Amino acid sequence: MSQEKSPRNLYQAWTDVKSRRTPKGEFQFLVQGLGREGEQMPSSAQTEADQSLACGRLLDLGIVAGEVLVVQLRAAWSEPIYIEVQGAQFALRRTEAECIFGRDLSDLSTATEERK
């Protein structure tokens, strides 16, 4: 039986799912919070001001705790990361994706199926 993973940032989830080459080309990510994980800054943010700007933009886009994002796997490199929020599509920079913490819902559905 697998255990639920602790929240991680969207960029980490995106790279993990992309490496598994999901045939559907997308996954769902449940947002549990924005900002830092403890006191750790996103690796690509140069300053705290960079992170504040990135996280502020996410709030403007409607990305808040409890929101489910549909994340596309179509970027060839590490950026941009394409997401859909409430029917609107956006492209995120890595710094912004590292500010979004939550869970990959495909991980949770896999765990549920294993329990059955």
C-alpha atoms as a PDB file:
ATOM      1  CA  MET A   1       0.000   0.000   0.000  1.00  0.00           C
ATOM      2  CA  SER A   2       1.504   3.378  -0.932  1.00  0.00           C
ATOM      3  CA  GLN A   3       1.461   6.390   1.334  1.00  0.00           C
ATOM      4  CA  GLU A   4       0.334   9.833   0.277  1.00  0.00           C
ATOM      5  CA  LYS A   5       3.270  12.072  -0.541  1.00  0.00           C
ATOM      6  CA  SER A   6       3.797  15.360   1.225  1.00  0.00           C
ATOM      7  CA  PRO A   7       2.971  18.508  -0.748  1.00  0.00           C
ATOM      8  CA  ARG A   8       5.552  19.463  -3.351  1.00  0.00           C
ATOM      9  CA  ASN A   9       5.783  22.294  -5.797  1.00  0.00           C
ATOM     10  CA  LEU A  10       4.192  22.245  -9.237  1.00  0.00           C
ATOM     11  CA  TYR A  11       7.546  22.310 -11.029  1.00  0.00           C
ATOM     12  CA  GLN A  12       8.688  19.136  -9.227  1.00  0.00           C
ATOM     13  CA  ALA A  13       5.415  17.382 -10.040  1.00  0.00           C
ATOM     14  CA  TRP A  14       5.610  18.502 -13.689  1.00  0.00           C
ATOM     15  CA  THR A  15       9.149  17.149 -14.151  1.00  0.00           C
ATOM     16  CA  ASP A  16       8.232  13.842 -12.449  1.00  0.00           C
ATOM     17  CA  VAL A  17       5.127  13.291 -14.573  1.00  0.00           C
ATOM     18  CA  LYS A  18       6.899  14.397 -17.754  1.00  0.00           C
ATOM     19  CA  SER A  19       9.662  11.836 -17.136  1.00  0.00           C
ATOM     20  CA  ARG A  20       7.007   9.086 -16.858  1.00  0.00           C
ATOM     21  CA  ARG A  21       5.686  10.125 -20.306  1.00  0.00           C
ATOM     22  CA  THR A  22       2.019  10.078 -19.369  1.00  0.00           C
ATOM     23  CA  PRO A  23       0.094   9.120 -22.529  1.00  0.00           C
ATOM     24  CA  LYS A  24      -2.698  11.607 -21.835  1.00  0.00           C
ATOM     25  CA  GLY A  25      -0.288  14.563 -22.032  1.00  0.00           C
ATOM     26  CA  GLU A  26      -1.682  16.275 -18.934  1.00  0.00           C
ATOM     27  CA  PHE A  27      -2.299  15.796 -15.235  1.00  0.00           C
ATOM     28  CA  GLN A  28      -4.326  17.445 -12.496  1.00  0.00           C
ATOM     29  CA  PHE A  29      -2.677  19.212  -9.569  1.00  0.00           C
ATOM     30  CA  LEU A  30      -4.528  20.215  -6.393  1.00  0.00           C
ATOM     31  CA  VAL A  31      -3.219  23.535  -5.049  1.00  0.00           C
ATOM     32  CA  GLN A  32      -2.678  23.469  -1.282  1.00  0.00           C
ATOM     33  CA  GLY A  33      -0.831  26.756  -0.909  1.00  0.00           C
ATOM     34  CA  LEU A  34       1.424  29.394  -2.418  1.00  0.00           C
ATOM     35  CA  GLY A  35       4.799  30.654  -1.320  1.00  0.00           C
ATOM     36  CA  ARG A  36       7.734  28.988   0.318  1.00  0.00           C
ATOM     37  CA  GLU A  37       8.093  25.449   1.555  1.00  0.00           C
ATOM     38  CA  GLY A  38       9.241  26.221   5.087  1.00  0.00           C
ATOM     39  CA  GLU A  39      11.896  28.881   4.579  1.00  0.00           C
ATOM     40  CA  GLN A  40      13.307  27.424   1.369  1.00  0.00           C
ATOM     41  CA  MET A  41      13.217  29.725  -1.659  1.00  0.00           C
ATOM     42  CA  PRO A  42      12.449  28.305  -5.078  1.00  0.00           C
ATOM     43  CA  SER A  43      15.808  27.429  -6.649  1.00  0.00           C
ATOM     44  CA  SER A  44      15.309  29.647  -9.685  1.00  0.00           C
ATOM     45  CA  ALA A  45      14.225  32.763  -7.724  1.00  0.00           C
ATOM     46  CA  GLN A  46      17.137  35.177  -7.436  1.00  0.00           C
ATOM     47  CA  THR A  47      15.724  37.277  -4.605  1.00  0.00           C
ATOM     48  CA  GLU A  48      12.799  37.323  -2.233  1.00  0.00           C
ATOM     49  CA  ALA A  49      11.358  40.127  -4.379  1.00  0.00           C
ATOM     50  CA  ASP A  50      11.353  37.771  -7.400  1.00  0.00           C
ATOM     51  CA  GLN A  51       9.358  35.244  -5.420  1.00  0.00           C
ATOM     52  CA  SER A  52       6.903  37.856  -4.147  1.00  0.00           C
ATOM     53  CA  LEU A  53       6.239  39.020  -7.704  1.00  0.00           C
ATOM     54  CA  ALA A  54       5.778  35.449  -8.914  1.00  0.00           C
ATOM     55  CA  CYS A  55       3.386  34.523  -6.106  1.00  0.00           C
ATOM     56  CA  GLY A  56       1.455  37.782  -6.515  1.00  0.00           C
ATOM     57  CA  ARG A  57       0.872  37.030 -10.209  1.00  0.00           C
ATOM     58  CA  LEU A  58      -0.492  33.594  -9.297  1.00  0.00           C
ATOM     59  CA  LEU A  59      -3.128  35.134  -7.036  1.00  0.00           C
ATOM     60  CA  ASP A  60      -4.082  37.509  -9.861  1.00  0.00           C
ATOM     61  CA  LEU A  61      -4.607  34.464 -12.122  1.00  0.00           C
ATOM     62  CA  GLY A  62      -6.982  32.861  -9.593  1.00  0.00           C
ATOM     63  CA  ILE A  63      -4.570  30.201  -8.368  1.00  0.00           C
ATOM     64  CA  VAL A  64      -5.519  29.707  -4.722  1.00  0.00           C
ATOM     65  CA  ALA A  65      -5.603  26.836  -2.236  1.00  0.00           C
ATOM     66  CA  GLY A  66      -8.262  24.286  -3.192  1.00  0.00           C
ATOM     67  CA  GLU A  67      -8.076  25.030  -6.928  1.00  0.00           C
ATOM     68  CA  VAL A  68      -7.409  22.119  -9.299  1.00  0.00           C
ATOM     69  CA  LEU A  69      -5.030  22.927 -12.163  1.00  0.00           C
ATOM     70  CA  VAL A  70      -4.895  20.979 -15.406  1.00  0.00           C
ATOM     71  CA  VAL A  71      -1.203  20.909 -16.306  1.00  0.00           C
ATOM     72  CA  GLN A  72      -0.167  20.296 -19.916  1.00  0.00           C
ATOM     73  CA  LEU A  73       2.982  18.341 -20.788  1.00  0.00           C
ATOM     74  CA  ARG A  74       3.612  19.975 -24.153  1.00  0.00           C
ATOM     75  CA  ALA A  75       6.655  22.189 -23.382  1.00  0.00           C
ATOM     76  CA  ALA A  76       9.791  20.736 -24.958  1.00  0.00           C
ATOM     77  CA  TRP A  77      12.171  22.105 -22.329  1.00  0.00           C
ATOM     78  CA  SER A  78      11.659  23.253 -18.767  1.00  0.00           C
ATOM     79  CA  GLU A  79       9.605  26.329 -19.601  1.00  0.00           C
ATOM     80  CA  PRO A  80       6.946  27.460 -19.977  1.00  0.00           C
ATOM     81  CA  ILE A  81       4.568  25.221 -18.077  1.00  0.00           C
ATOM     82  CA  TYR A  82       1.068  25.430 -19.520  1.00  0.00           C
ATOM     83  CA  ILE A  83      -1.851  25.239 -17.102  1.00  0.00           C
ATOM     84  CA  GLU A  84      -5.608  25.628 -17.187  1.00  0.00           C
ATOM     85  CA  VAL A  85      -7.410  27.328 -14.288  1.00  0.00           C
ATOM     86  CA  GLN A  86     -11.194  27.650 -14.285  1.00  0.00           C
ATOM     87  CA  GLY A  87     -11.284  27.250 -18.085  1.00  0.00           C
ATOM     88  CA  ALA A  88      -8.563  29.843 -18.795  1.00  0.00           C
ATOM     89  CA  GLN A  89      -5.124  28.827 -20.076  1.00  0.00           C
ATOM     90  CA  PHE A  90      -1.853  30.356 -18.848  1.00  0.00           C
ATOM     91  CA  ALA A  91       1.880  29.828 -19.282  1.00  0.00           C
ATOM     92  CA  LEU A  92       3.963  29.867 -16.085  1.00  0.00           C
ATOM     93  CA  ARG A  93       7.648  30.492 -15.597  1.00  0.00           C
ATOM     94  CA  ARG A  94       9.615  28.015 -13.514  1.00  0.00           C
ATOM     95  CA  THR A  95       9.840  30.550 -10.650  1.00  0.00           C
ATOM     96  CA  GLU A  96       6.044  30.797 -10.575  1.00  0.00           C
ATOM     97  CA  ALA A  97       5.540  27.020 -10.741  1.00  0.00           C
ATOM     98  CA  GLU A  98       7.932  26.602  -7.798  1.00  0.00           C
ATOM     99  CA  CYS A  99       5.640  28.859  -5.703  1.00  0.00           C
ATOM    100  CA  ILE A 100       2.641  26.519  -6.063  1.00  0.00           C
ATOM    101  CA  PHE A 101       2.502  23.686  -3.519  1.00  0.00           C
ATOM    102  CA  GLY A 102       0.078  20.785  -3.587  1.00  0.00           C
ATOM    103  CA  ARG A 103      -0.467  17.251  -4.822  1.00  0.00           C
ATOM    104  CA  ASP A 104      -0.550  15.535  -8.178  1.00  0.00           C
ATOM    105  CA  LEU A 105      -4.053  14.024  -8.247  1.00  0.00           C
ATOM    106  CA  SER A 106      -2.921  11.170 -10.492  1.00  0.00           C
ATOM    107  CA  ASP A 107      -0.685  10.025  -7.590  1.00  0.00           C
ATOM    108  CA  LEU A 108      -3.745   9.971  -5.303  1.00  0.00           C
ATOM    109  CA  SER A 109      -5.934   8.097  -7.801  1.00  0.00           C
ATOM    110  CA  THR A 110      -3.168   5.514  -8.296  1.00  0.00           C
ATOM    111  CA  ALA A 111      -2.925   5.038  -4.521  1.00  0.00           C
ATOM    112  CA  THR A 112      -6.720   4.625  -4.290  1.00  0.00           C
ATOM    113  CA  GLU A 113      -6.709   2.010  -7.065  1.00  0.00           C
ATOM    114  CA  GLU A 114      -3.920   0.085  -5.313  1.00  0.00           C
ATOM    115  CA  ARG A 115      -5.999  -0.061  -2.111  1.00  0.00           C
ATOM    116  CA  LYS A 116      -8.983  -1.671  -3.897  1.00  0.00           C
END
